[in-house]
Amino acid sequence: MGKSINTRGMNKEIIKLEDVNISQTKREIFNNICLSIKEGDFLYLIGETGEGKSSLLKTLYAEIKIKSGNITVAGINIKEIKSSEIPVLRKKLGIVFQDFQLLTDRNIYENLKFVLDSTGWNGIQIIQNRIKEVLEYVELTGKENMMPYEISGGEQQRAAIARSLLNSPDIILADEPTGNLDPLKSDKIIQLLKKINKEGTTIVIATHDYQVIKNHPSRTIRCKDKGLHEIELHTL
């Protein structure tokens, strides 16, 4: 499961922002920001509510259009992307949300199958094997027939991470993935994301949970005053 770590030694940029301005509803969120993220990086985005963490992630998966500047994500120019090209971008990305966003009217297996059906997978056995593989990877074997409300919050987030892995993404963007979890479950989710990262997937996590950063330190960028600021962990 996962990607070969061999590409990490190449140290290529997988996300690049150059002089980017981001606005929403006429409010400027970021002004002239630059950022370089290499293949295989594990990066935290921190900042107070309203400072733009989630907006930055939404920009990376083309939900928010940039006002000016250039963004490249997994080889795709986000500024020039057409609506018809967004599904191609999204297949390169795994997206994980604070509130899990599992479909509540179907079990875990059907949640995952929905994604595979939507992204062009064919063949019942192929689909079954892929779902089995990702559920084993996130340690949810035996939960496939349960409804989301029948499993814990930590398990729901593991199911959401399994969903994000289905198409073997180059990058996982996680928006407050531990926001609804207690400290123990939060720590286990970060451990899981670290495991995925070690196999070569680039991970970007927006979080306000400084304890998980202290427990699992890595490169950290603060969103503040419409800018991005690389920080030392001892200043948290």
Protein backbone atom coordinates (compact mmCIF):
# COMPACT_ATOMS: atom_id res chain seq x y z
CA MET A 1 0.00 0.00 0.00
CA GLY A 2 1.18 3.52 -0.68
CA LYS A 3 3.88 4.95 -2.87
CA SER A 4 7.51 4.11 -3.24
CA ILE A 5 9.64 6.38 -1.13
CA ASN A 6 12.25 6.48 -3.89
CA THR A 7 10.75 9.64 -5.37
CA ARG A 8 11.36 11.51 -2.13
CA GLY A 9 15.09 11.51 -2.71
CA MET A 10 14.51 13.52 -5.87
CA ASN A 11 13.30 16.40 -3.70
CA LYS A 12 11.04 17.79 -6.41
CA GLU A 13 8.45 20.45 -5.71
CA ILE A 14 4.94 19.03 -5.67
CA ILE A 15 3.18 22.23 -4.52
CA LYS A 16 4.42 25.69 -5.42
CA LEU A 17 2.82 29.08 -4.74
CA GLU A 18 4.31 32.19 -6.31
CA ASP A 19 3.07 35.68 -5.36
CA VAL A 20 -0.46 34.40 -4.74
CA ASN A 21 -3.38 36.57 -3.66
CA ILE A 22 -6.50 34.84 -2.31
CA SER A 23 -9.81 36.58 -1.61
CA GLN A 24 -13.28 35.43 -0.60
CA THR A 25 -16.45 37.50 -0.72
CA LYS A 26 -14.31 40.58 -1.45
CA ARG A 27 -12.18 40.02 1.68
CA GLU A 28 -8.48 39.56 1.07
CA ILE A 29 -7.24 36.50 2.93
CA PHE A 30 -3.65 36.20 1.64
CA ASN A 31 -1.50 38.80 -0.04
CA ASN A 32 1.48 37.92 -2.22
CA ILE A 33 2.28 34.58 -0.54
CA CYS A 34 4.93 32.10 -1.65
CA LEU A 35 5.38 28.50 -0.55
CA SER A 36 7.33 25.47 -1.73
CA ILE A 37 6.43 21.93 -0.64
CA LYS A 38 8.57 19.01 -1.75
CA GLU A 39 7.49 15.48 -2.60
CA GLY A 40 7.27 13.50 0.62
CA ASP A 41 6.99 16.53 2.91
CA PHE A 42 4.85 16.44 6.05
CA LEU A 43 3.67 19.98 6.74
CA TYR A 44 1.41 21.62 9.30
CA LEU A 45 -0.54 24.81 8.62
CA ILE A 46 -1.46 26.62 11.81
CA GLY A 47 -3.16 29.92 12.63
CA GLU A 48 -6.10 31.46 14.40
CA THR A 49 -9.64 31.02 13.11
CA GLY A 50 -10.15 33.26 10.11
CA GLU A 51 -6.48 33.47 9.17
CA GLY A 52 -7.01 31.33 6.07
CA LYS A 53 -5.86 27.75 6.75
CA SER A 54 -8.95 26.16 5.23
CA SER A 55 -9.09 28.70 2.41
CA LEU A 56 -5.53 27.85 1.44
CA LEU A 57 -6.37 24.14 1.27
CA LYS A 58 -9.49 24.89 -0.78
CA THR A 59 -7.32 26.86 -3.18
CA LEU A 60 -4.99 23.88 -3.57
CA TYR A 61 -7.88 21.64 -4.62
CA ALA A 62 -9.38 24.33 -6.86
CA GLU A 63 -12.50 25.12 -4.86
CA ILE A 64 -11.37 28.75 -4.48
CA LYS A 65 -9.89 30.57 -7.46
CA ILE A 66 -6.84 32.74 -6.90
CA LYS A 67 -6.94 36.46 -7.64
CA SER A 68 -3.38 36.65 -8.92
CA GLY A 69 -0.09 34.76 -8.88
CA ASN A 70 0.59 31.16 -9.79
CA ILE A 71 -0.03 27.81 -8.08
CA THR A 72 1.12 24.42 -9.28
CA VAL A 73 -0.16 21.28 -7.56
CA ALA A 74 1.09 17.84 -8.67
CA GLY A 75 2.11 19.28 -12.02
CA ILE A 76 -1.22 21.05 -12.64
CA ASN A 77 -1.48 24.84 -13.02
CA ILE A 78 -4.31 25.78 -10.66
CA LYS A 79 -4.67 29.31 -12.00
CA GLU A 80 -5.34 28.08 -15.54
CA ILE A 81 -7.33 24.96 -14.62
CA LYS A 82 -10.60 24.40 -16.46
CA SER A 83 -13.70 22.95 -14.82
CA SER A 84 -13.33 19.82 -16.94
CA GLU A 85 -9.79 19.32 -15.58
CA ILE A 86 -10.68 19.53 -11.88
CA PRO A 87 -11.54 15.78 -11.62
CA VAL A 88 -8.02 15.01 -12.90
CA LEU A 89 -6.56 17.20 -10.14
CA ARG A 90 -8.80 15.69 -7.48
CA LYS A 91 -7.66 12.15 -8.38
CA LYS A 92 -4.12 13.25 -7.48
CA LEU A 93 -5.33 14.48 -4.09
CA GLY A 94 -6.84 12.86 -1.02
CA ILE A 95 -8.94 15.26 1.03
CA VAL A 96 -9.78 14.68 4.70
CA PHE A 97 -12.20 16.88 6.64
CA GLN A 98 -12.80 17.60 10.33
CA ASP A 99 -16.41 16.38 10.14
CA PHE A 100 -15.47 13.24 8.13
CA GLN A 101 -18.14 13.90 5.44
CA LEU A 102 -19.10 10.26 5.19
CA LEU A 103 -22.43 9.55 3.51
CA THR A 104 -24.78 8.78 6.39
CA ASP A 105 -27.27 6.73 4.36
CA ARG A 106 -24.83 3.91 3.49
CA ASN A 107 -22.29 1.71 5.22
CA ILE A 108 -18.52 2.14 5.16
CA TYR A 109 -18.06 -0.24 2.21
CA GLU A 110 -20.66 1.64 0.15
CA ASN A 111 -19.05 4.97 1.10
CA LEU A 112 -15.79 3.79 -0.40
CA LYS A 113 -17.42 2.10 -3.39
CA PHE A 114 -19.18 5.38 -4.21
CA VAL A 115 -15.79 7.05 -4.67
CA LEU A 116 -14.44 4.24 -6.85
CA ASP A 117 -17.59 4.22 -8.98
CA SER A 118 -17.34 8.00 -9.37
CA THR A 119 -13.70 7.89 -10.44
CA GLY A 120 -14.03 5.27 -13.13
CA TRP A 121 -13.15 1.97 -11.43
CA ASN A 122 -14.71 -1.10 -13.03
CA GLY A 123 -15.06 -4.72 -12.01
CA ILE A 124 -16.66 -5.93 -8.80
CA GLN A 125 -13.64 -7.97 -7.72
CA ILE A 126 -11.20 -5.13 -8.40
CA ILE A 127 -13.35 -2.74 -6.37
CA GLN A 128 -13.77 -5.23 -3.53
CA ASN A 129 -10.03 -5.85 -3.39
CA ARG A 130 -9.18 -2.15 -3.31
CA ILE A 131 -11.67 -1.45 -0.52
CA LYS A 132 -10.36 -4.41 1.47
CA GLU A 133 -6.81 -3.15 1.01
CA VAL A 134 -7.42 0.38 2.26
CA LEU A 135 -9.57 -0.78 5.19
CA GLU A 136 -6.81 -3.18 6.26
CA TYR A 137 -4.30 -0.34 5.96
CA VAL A 138 -6.24 1.96 8.32
CA GLU A 139 -7.10 -0.96 10.64
CA LEU A 140 -10.84 -1.02 9.97
CA THR A 141 -11.15 -4.61 8.78
CA GLY A 142 -14.54 -5.93 9.88
CA LYS A 143 -16.17 -2.48 9.94
CA GLU A 144 -17.16 -2.39 6.26
CA ASN A 145 -20.81 -3.28 6.86
CA MET A 146 -21.32 -0.78 9.68
CA MET A 147 -23.00 2.58 9.25
CA PRO A 148 -20.98 5.70 10.10
CA TYR A 149 -23.07 6.37 13.21
CA GLU A 150 -22.30 2.87 14.50
CA ILE A 151 -18.56 3.49 14.80
CA SER A 152 -16.55 5.95 16.89
CA GLY A 153 -15.34 9.35 15.74
CA GLY A 154 -11.79 8.05 15.45
CA GLU A 155 -12.99 5.15 13.32
CA GLN A 156 -15.04 7.50 11.15
CA GLN A 157 -11.91 9.56 10.53
CA ARG A 158 -9.98 6.39 9.69
CA ALA A 159 -12.72 5.56 7.19
CA ALA A 160 -12.38 9.06 5.74
CA ILE A 161 -8.62 8.55 5.41
CA ALA A 162 -9.24 5.17 3.76
CA ARG A 163 -11.51 6.98 1.30
CA SER A 164 -8.75 9.51 0.60
CA LEU A 165 -6.31 6.69 -0.23
CA LEU A 166 -8.47 4.87 -2.76
CA ASN A 167 -6.92 6.47 -5.84
CA SER A 168 -3.33 6.37 -4.47
CA PRO A 169 -3.01 10.17 -4.30
CA ASP A 170 0.25 12.08 -4.55
CA ILE A 171 -0.91 14.46 -1.81
CA ILE A 172 -3.29 14.31 1.15
CA LEU A 173 -4.80 17.61 2.30
CA ALA A 174 -6.28 17.28 5.79
CA ASP A 175 -8.40 20.11 7.19
CA GLU A 176 -8.50 19.87 11.01
CA PRO A 177 -8.50 16.04 10.90
CA THR A 178 -8.33 15.80 14.70
CA GLY A 179 -10.72 18.67 15.45
CA ASN A 180 -13.59 16.45 16.64
CA LEU A 181 -11.48 13.84 18.43
CA ASP A 182 -10.13 13.35 21.92
CA PRO A 183 -6.34 13.50 22.48
CA LEU A 184 -5.77 9.73 22.24
CA LYS A 185 -7.74 9.35 18.99
CA SER A 186 -6.09 12.51 17.64
CA ASP A 187 -2.66 11.06 18.27
CA LYS A 188 -3.58 7.83 16.48
CA ILE A 189 -4.84 9.75 13.44
CA ILE A 190 -1.57 11.67 13.18
CA GLN A 191 0.34 8.40 13.57
CA LEU A 192 -1.67 7.00 10.65
CA LEU A 193 -0.95 10.06 8.50
CA LYS A 194 2.74 9.77 9.42
CA LYS A 195 2.70 6.14 8.26
CA ILE A 196 1.17 7.17 4.93
CA ASN A 197 3.79 9.92 4.61
CA LYS A 198 6.66 7.49 5.18
CA GLU A 199 5.50 5.57 2.12
CA GLY A 200 5.96 8.67 -0.03
CA THR A 201 2.68 10.60 0.06
CA THR A 202 2.98 14.33 0.72
CA ILE A 203 0.82 15.40 3.69
CA VAL A 204 -0.47 18.92 4.42
CA ILE A 205 -2.47 19.32 7.64
CA ALA A 206 -4.35 22.45 8.69
CA THR A 207 -4.71 22.30 12.46
CA HIS A 208 -5.10 24.29 15.65
CA ASP A 209 -4.14 21.24 17.74
CA TYR A 210 -0.65 22.25 18.88
CA GLN A 211 -0.34 19.19 21.08
CA VAL A 212 -0.23 16.86 18.08
CA ILE A 213 2.49 19.05 16.56
CA LYS A 214 4.51 18.81 19.77
CA ASN A 215 4.01 15.04 19.84
CA HIS A 216 4.81 14.64 16.13
CA PRO A 217 6.98 17.63 15.17
CA SER A 218 7.48 18.54 11.53
CA ARG A 219 7.73 21.57 9.30
CA THR A 220 5.17 24.17 10.39
CA ILE A 221 3.81 27.25 8.61
CA ARG A 222 1.76 29.90 10.42
CA CYS A 223 -1.03 31.73 8.57
CA LYS A 224 -1.08 35.27 9.98
CA ASP A 225 -1.66 38.83 8.77
CA LYS A 226 -2.40 37.68 5.19
CA GLY A 227 0.96 35.93 4.99
CA LEU A 228 2.70 32.59 5.53
CA HIS A 229 5.48 32.42 8.13
CA GLU A 230 7.73 29.42 8.72
CA ILE A 231 8.15 28.96 12.46
CA GLU A 232 10.37 27.16 14.91
CA LEU A 233 8.51 24.56 16.96
CA HIS A 234 9.80 25.93 20.27
CA THR A 235 7.77 29.10 19.64
CA LEU A 236 4.43 27.25 19.73
